[in-house]
Amino acid sequence: MMYEHKTDPILPAPLYYKRVAWNFAVAMGILMNCIIIGVLGYHYLAGSSWIDAFHNSSMLLSGMGPVITIESYSGKIFSSLYALFSGIVFVTTMGFILAPSIHRFFHKLHLEEDNK
């Protein structure tokens, strides 16, 4: 979804809220897919139960960190790679969620600057 240029008028509130909802929905879709990857990896590679795999995946994606101890080598490798992946996903999805608000803030600043 393209954002308006600084010379364009500011987006009306209903369209802005639609943009916020869309970005939030896309971010949640990305997070759900990443949780599925984590759950499958922790269950099959680390030997965790389904609930422990879900818990660990959710904690990593939220930026909190791992909560279970991994014993197998394949599980440790997966856990390390998933932790790096989760850090990137966390930052990216937060940026995606905040992008409409940040864009609107700077767009208003440019409009005020042009009106002076």
N, C-alpha and C. Protein backbone atom coordinates (compact mmCIF):
# COMPACT_ATOMS: atom_id res chain seq x y z
N MET A 1 0.85 -1.17 0.00
CA MET A 1 0.00 0.00 0.00
C MET A 1 0.90 1.24 0.00
N MET A 2 0.71 2.06 -0.99
CA MET A 2 1.53 3.26 -1.13
C MET A 2 0.99 4.36 -0.21
N TYR A 3 1.90 5.14 0.28
CA TYR A 3 1.54 6.29 1.12
C TYR A 3 1.50 7.53 0.24
N GLU A 4 0.72 8.52 0.69
CA GLU A 4 0.60 9.76 -0.08
C GLU A 4 1.91 10.55 -0.01
N HIS A 5 2.14 11.32 -1.04
CA HIS A 5 3.33 12.17 -1.12
C HIS A 5 3.14 13.37 -0.22
N LYS A 6 4.23 14.01 0.16
CA LYS A 6 4.13 15.15 1.08
C LYS A 6 3.36 16.33 0.50
N THR A 7 3.24 16.40 -0.82
CA THR A 7 2.47 17.48 -1.44
C THR A 7 0.99 17.15 -1.53
N ASP A 8 0.62 15.90 -1.30
CA ASP A 8 -0.79 15.49 -1.32
C ASP A 8 -1.47 15.89 -0.02
N PRO A 9 -2.79 16.05 -0.05
CA PRO A 9 -3.50 16.34 1.21
C PRO A 9 -3.42 15.14 2.15
N ILE A 10 -3.60 15.42 3.43
CA ILE A 10 -3.53 14.34 4.42
C ILE A 10 -4.70 13.39 4.23
N LEU A 11 -4.46 12.14 4.48
CA LEU A 11 -5.47 11.10 4.29
C LEU A 11 -6.63 11.31 5.28
N PRO A 12 -7.88 11.21 4.81
CA PRO A 12 -9.02 11.34 5.73
C PRO A 12 -8.97 10.25 6.82
N ALA A 13 -9.54 10.57 7.97
CA ALA A 13 -9.47 9.67 9.13
C ALA A 13 -9.97 8.25 8.83
N PRO A 14 -11.11 8.06 8.15
CA PRO A 14 -11.56 6.68 7.91
C PRO A 14 -10.56 5.86 7.08
N LEU A 15 -9.94 6.50 6.09
CA LEU A 15 -8.94 5.79 5.29
C LEU A 15 -7.67 5.54 6.08
N TYR A 16 -7.32 6.47 6.96
CA TYR A 16 -6.16 6.28 7.82
C TYR A 16 -6.38 5.09 8.75
N TYR A 17 -7.56 5.00 9.36
CA TYR A 17 -7.85 3.87 10.25
C TYR A 17 -7.88 2.55 9.48
N LYS A 18 -8.33 2.61 8.25
CA LYS A 18 -8.31 1.40 7.41
C LYS A 18 -6.86 0.98 7.14
N ARG A 19 -5.99 1.96 6.90
CA ARG A 19 -4.57 1.67 6.67
C ARG A 19 -3.93 1.07 7.93
N VAL A 20 -4.26 1.63 9.09
CA VAL A 20 -3.73 1.11 10.35
C VAL A 20 -4.20 -0.33 10.55
N ALA A 21 -5.47 -0.59 10.31
CA ALA A 21 -6.01 -1.94 10.48
C ALA A 21 -5.36 -2.91 9.50
N TRP A 22 -5.15 -2.48 8.27
CA TRP A 22 -4.52 -3.33 7.27
C TRP A 22 -3.08 -3.68 7.68
N ASN A 23 -2.32 -2.68 8.08
CA ASN A 23 -0.94 -2.94 8.50
C ASN A 23 -0.90 -3.86 9.72
N PHE A 24 -1.81 -3.66 10.65
CA PHE A 24 -1.87 -4.51 11.83
C PHE A 24 -2.21 -5.95 11.44
N ALA A 25 -3.18 -6.12 10.54
CA ALA A 25 -3.57 -7.46 10.10
C ALA A 25 -2.43 -8.17 9.38
N VAL A 26 -1.72 -7.46 8.53
CA VAL A 26 -0.58 -8.06 7.82
C VAL A 26 0.51 -8.45 8.81
N ALA A 27 0.78 -7.58 9.78
CA ALA A 27 1.80 -7.88 10.79
C ALA A 27 1.41 -9.11 11.61
N MET A 28 0.14 -9.22 11.97
CA MET A 28 -0.32 -10.39 12.73
C MET A 28 -0.23 -11.66 11.89
N GLY A 29 -0.51 -11.55 10.59
CA GLY A 29 -0.35 -12.70 9.70
C GLY A 29 1.10 -13.16 9.63
N ILE A 30 2.00 -12.20 9.54
CA ILE A 30 3.43 -12.54 9.52
C ILE A 30 3.83 -13.22 10.82
N LEU A 31 3.39 -12.67 11.95
CA LEU A 31 3.72 -13.26 13.25
C LEU A 31 3.14 -14.66 13.40
N MET A 32 1.92 -14.88 12.94
CA MET A 32 1.31 -16.21 13.05
C MET A 32 2.09 -17.23 12.22
N ASN A 33 2.50 -16.85 11.03
CA ASN A 33 3.31 -17.76 10.21
C ASN A 33 4.65 -18.06 10.87
N CYS A 34 5.24 -17.06 11.49
CA CYS A 34 6.52 -17.26 12.18
C CYS A 34 6.35 -18.13 13.42
N ILE A 35 5.23 -17.99 14.11
CA ILE A 35 4.97 -18.86 15.26
C ILE A 35 4.82 -20.30 14.80
N ILE A 36 4.15 -20.52 13.68
CA ILE A 36 4.00 -21.87 13.15
C ILE A 36 5.36 -22.47 12.83
N ILE A 37 6.24 -21.69 12.20
CA ILE A 37 7.60 -22.17 11.91
C ILE A 37 8.30 -22.55 13.21
N GLY A 38 8.20 -21.70 14.22
CA GLY A 38 8.85 -21.97 15.50
C GLY A 38 8.28 -23.19 16.20
N VAL A 39 6.97 -23.32 16.21
CA VAL A 39 6.34 -24.47 16.87
C VAL A 39 6.78 -25.77 16.21
N LEU A 40 6.75 -25.80 14.89
CA LEU A 40 7.17 -27.02 14.19
C LEU A 40 8.64 -27.33 14.44
N GLY A 41 9.47 -26.31 14.41
CA GLY A 41 10.90 -26.52 14.65
C GLY A 41 11.19 -27.00 16.05
N TYR A 42 10.59 -26.35 17.04
CA TYR A 42 10.83 -26.76 18.42
C TYR A 42 10.26 -28.14 18.71
N HIS A 43 9.13 -28.46 18.10
CA HIS A 43 8.52 -29.77 18.35
C HIS A 43 9.33 -30.90 17.69
N TYR A 44 9.66 -30.73 16.41
CA TYR A 44 10.31 -31.82 15.68
C TYR A 44 11.83 -31.84 15.84
N LEU A 45 12.47 -30.70 15.97
CA LEU A 45 13.93 -30.67 16.06
C LEU A 45 14.44 -30.65 17.50
N ALA A 46 13.69 -30.02 18.40
CA ALA A 46 14.14 -29.92 19.79
C ALA A 46 13.43 -30.92 20.70
N GLY A 47 12.40 -31.58 20.18
CA GLY A 47 11.69 -32.57 20.98
C GLY A 47 10.79 -31.98 22.05
N SER A 48 10.38 -30.74 21.90
CA SER A 48 9.50 -30.10 22.88
C SER A 48 8.06 -30.55 22.66
N SER A 49 7.27 -30.49 23.73
CA SER A 49 5.84 -30.75 23.57
C SER A 49 5.23 -29.60 22.76
N TRP A 50 4.03 -29.81 22.25
CA TRP A 50 3.39 -28.79 21.44
C TRP A 50 3.22 -27.49 22.21
N ILE A 51 2.78 -27.59 23.47
CA ILE A 51 2.53 -26.37 24.25
C ILE A 51 3.84 -25.67 24.59
N ASP A 52 4.89 -26.44 24.90
CA ASP A 52 6.20 -25.82 25.17
C ASP A 52 6.76 -25.17 23.91
N ALA A 53 6.57 -25.83 22.77
CA ALA A 53 7.04 -25.27 21.50
C ALA A 53 6.32 -23.95 21.19
N PHE A 54 5.01 -23.93 21.42
CA PHE A 54 4.24 -22.71 21.19
C PHE A 54 4.68 -21.61 22.16
N HIS A 55 4.85 -21.97 23.42
CA HIS A 55 5.25 -21.00 24.44
C HIS A 55 6.62 -20.40 24.10
N ASN A 56 7.58 -21.25 23.76
CA ASN A 56 8.92 -20.76 23.45
C ASN A 56 8.91 -19.88 22.19
N SER A 57 8.19 -20.31 21.17
CA SER A 57 8.10 -19.52 19.93
C SER A 57 7.49 -18.15 20.20
N SER A 58 6.42 -18.13 20.97
CA SER A 58 5.75 -16.86 21.28
C SER A 58 6.65 -15.94 22.08
N MET A 59 7.36 -16.50 23.05
CA MET A 59 8.24 -15.68 23.88
C MET A 59 9.39 -15.09 23.05
N LEU A 60 9.94 -15.89 22.15
CA LEU A 60 11.03 -15.38 21.31
C LEU A 60 10.54 -14.29 20.36
N LEU A 61 9.38 -14.52 19.74
CA LEU A 61 8.87 -13.53 18.79
C LEU A 61 8.44 -12.23 19.48
N SER A 62 8.10 -12.30 20.75
CA SER A 62 7.70 -11.07 21.45
C SER A 62 8.91 -10.32 22.01
N GLY A 63 10.09 -10.88 21.83
CA GLY A 63 11.30 -10.22 22.30
C GLY A 63 11.68 -10.57 23.73
N MET A 64 10.99 -11.52 24.35
CA MET A 64 11.24 -11.87 25.75
C MET A 64 12.40 -12.86 25.91
N GLY A 65 12.59 -13.75 24.95
CA GLY A 65 13.67 -14.73 25.05
C GLY A 65 13.15 -16.13 25.30
N PRO A 66 14.03 -17.11 25.18
CA PRO A 66 13.61 -18.52 25.33
C PRO A 66 13.30 -18.86 26.79
N VAL A 67 12.44 -19.88 26.97
CA VAL A 67 12.05 -20.28 28.32
C VAL A 67 12.33 -21.75 28.61
N ILE A 68 12.65 -22.54 27.59
CA ILE A 68 12.92 -23.96 27.82
C ILE A 68 14.37 -24.27 27.50
N THR A 69 14.89 -25.32 28.12
CA THR A 69 16.26 -25.75 27.87
C THR A 69 16.24 -26.78 26.75
N ILE A 70 17.10 -26.60 25.78
CA ILE A 70 17.20 -27.50 24.63
C ILE A 70 18.40 -28.42 24.86
N GLU A 71 18.20 -29.71 24.64
CA GLU A 71 19.27 -30.69 24.87
C GLU A 71 19.92 -31.18 23.58
N SER A 72 19.15 -31.32 22.50
CA SER A 72 19.70 -31.91 21.27
C SER A 72 20.47 -30.87 20.46
N TYR A 73 21.44 -31.36 19.68
CA TYR A 73 22.23 -30.46 18.83
C TYR A 73 21.36 -29.81 17.76
N SER A 74 20.49 -30.61 17.14
CA SER A 74 19.63 -30.04 16.10
C SER A 74 18.70 -28.99 16.70
N GLY A 75 18.21 -29.24 17.91
CA GLY A 75 17.36 -28.27 18.59
C GLY A 75 18.09 -26.99 18.93
N LYS A 76 19.36 -27.12 19.34
CA LYS A 76 20.15 -25.93 19.68
C LYS A 76 20.45 -25.09 18.43
N ILE A 77 20.75 -25.76 17.33
CA ILE A 77 20.99 -25.03 16.08
C ILE A 77 19.72 -24.32 15.63
N PHE A 78 18.59 -25.05 15.67
CA PHE A 78 17.33 -24.42 15.29
C PHE A 78 17.02 -23.25 16.21
N SER A 79 17.19 -23.45 17.51
CA SER A 79 16.89 -22.40 18.48
C SER A 79 17.73 -21.16 18.25
N SER A 80 19.00 -21.35 17.93
CA SER A 80 19.88 -20.21 17.65
C SER A 80 19.43 -19.45 16.41
N LEU A 81 19.16 -20.18 15.34
CA LEU A 81 18.73 -19.54 14.10
C LEU A 81 17.36 -18.88 14.26
N TYR A 82 16.47 -19.55 14.98
CA TYR A 82 15.14 -18.99 15.19
C TYR A 82 15.20 -17.73 16.05
N ALA A 83 16.12 -17.68 17.02
CA ALA A 83 16.27 -16.49 17.85
C ALA A 83 16.73 -15.30 17.01
N LEU A 84 17.69 -15.53 16.11
CA LEU A 84 18.14 -14.45 15.22
C LEU A 84 17.01 -14.00 14.31
N PHE A 85 16.31 -14.97 13.74
CA PHE A 85 15.17 -14.70 12.86
C PHE A 85 14.09 -13.93 13.62
N SER A 86 13.81 -14.32 14.85
CA SER A 86 12.76 -13.68 15.65
C SER A 86 13.08 -12.22 15.95
N GLY A 87 14.34 -11.93 16.20
CA GLY A 87 14.73 -10.54 16.44
C GLY A 87 14.45 -9.65 15.25
N ILE A 88 14.75 -10.15 14.07
CA ILE A 88 14.50 -9.39 12.84
C ILE A 88 13.00 -9.24 12.61
N VAL A 89 12.25 -10.32 12.80
CA VAL A 89 10.80 -10.28 12.60
C VAL A 89 10.15 -9.32 13.59
N PHE A 90 10.60 -9.32 14.83
CA PHE A 90 10.03 -8.43 15.85
C PHE A 90 10.20 -6.97 15.45
N VAL A 91 11.40 -6.60 15.07
CA VAL A 91 11.67 -5.21 14.69
C VAL A 91 10.89 -4.84 13.43
N THR A 92 10.86 -5.74 12.46
CA THR A 92 10.16 -5.47 11.20
C THR A 92 8.66 -5.30 11.40
N THR A 93 8.05 -6.20 12.17
CA THR A 93 6.60 -6.09 12.36
C THR A 93 6.23 -4.86 13.19
N MET A 94 7.06 -4.50 14.16
CA MET A 94 6.78 -3.28 14.92
C MET A 94 6.86 -2.05 14.01
N GLY A 95 7.84 -2.04 13.12
CA GLY A 95 7.94 -0.94 12.16
C GLY A 95 6.74 -0.89 11.24
N PHE A 96 6.28 -2.06 10.82
CA PHE A 96 5.13 -2.14 9.93
C PHE A 96 3.86 -1.66 10.64
N ILE A 97 3.71 -2.00 11.91
CA ILE A 97 2.54 -1.57 12.68
C ILE A 97 2.57 -0.05 12.91
N LEU A 98 3.75 0.48 13.20
CA LEU A 98 3.87 1.91 13.51
C LEU A 98 3.96 2.81 12.28
N ALA A 99 4.22 2.25 11.12
CA ALA A 99 4.46 3.05 9.91
C ALA A 99 3.33 4.03 9.58
N PRO A 100 2.05 3.64 9.62
CA PRO A 100 1.01 4.63 9.29
C PRO A 100 1.00 5.83 10.22
N SER A 101 1.19 5.60 11.51
CA SER A 101 1.18 6.71 12.48
C SER A 101 2.38 7.61 12.30
N ILE A 102 3.54 7.02 12.09
CA ILE A 102 4.76 7.82 11.89
C ILE A 102 4.65 8.62 10.60
N HIS A 103 4.14 7.99 9.55
CA HIS A 103 3.98 8.69 8.27
C HIS A 103 3.00 9.86 8.42
N ARG A 104 1.90 9.63 9.11
CA ARG A 104 0.91 10.70 9.30
C ARG A 104 1.50 11.86 10.09
N PHE A 105 2.29 11.55 11.12
CA PHE A 105 2.93 12.58 11.93
C PHE A 105 3.85 13.45 11.06
N PHE A 106 4.71 12.80 10.27
CA PHE A 106 5.62 13.57 9.42
C PHE A 106 4.89 14.29 8.30
N HIS A 107 3.82 13.71 7.80
CA HIS A 107 3.02 14.36 6.77
C HIS A 107 2.42 15.66 7.33
N LYS A 108 1.91 15.62 8.56
CA LYS A 108 1.36 16.83 9.17
C LYS A 108 2.45 17.88 9.37
N LEU A 109 3.65 17.46 9.75
CA LEU A 109 4.75 18.41 9.90
C LEU A 109 5.07 19.10 8.58
N HIS A 110 5.07 18.34 7.49
CA HIS A 110 5.35 18.93 6.18
C HIS A 110 4.24 19.88 5.76
N LEU A 111 2.99 19.55 6.06
CA LEU A 111 1.89 20.44 5.72
C LEU A 111 1.99 21.74 6.50
N GLU A 112 2.33 21.66 7.79
CA GLU A 112 2.49 22.87 8.61
C GLU A 112 3.65 23.71 8.10
N GLU A 113 4.72 23.04 7.69
CA GLU A 113 5.90 23.74 7.18
C GLU A 113 5.58 24.47 5.88
N ASP A 114 4.78 23.83 5.01
CA ASP A 114 4.42 24.45 3.74
C ASP A 114 3.46 25.62 3.91
N ASN A 115 2.66 25.60 4.98
CA ASN A 115 1.68 26.66 5.22
C ASN A 115 2.30 27.91 5.82
N LYS A 116 3.53 27.85 6.27
CA LYS A 116 4.19 29.01 6.89
C LYS A 116 4.67 29.99 5.86
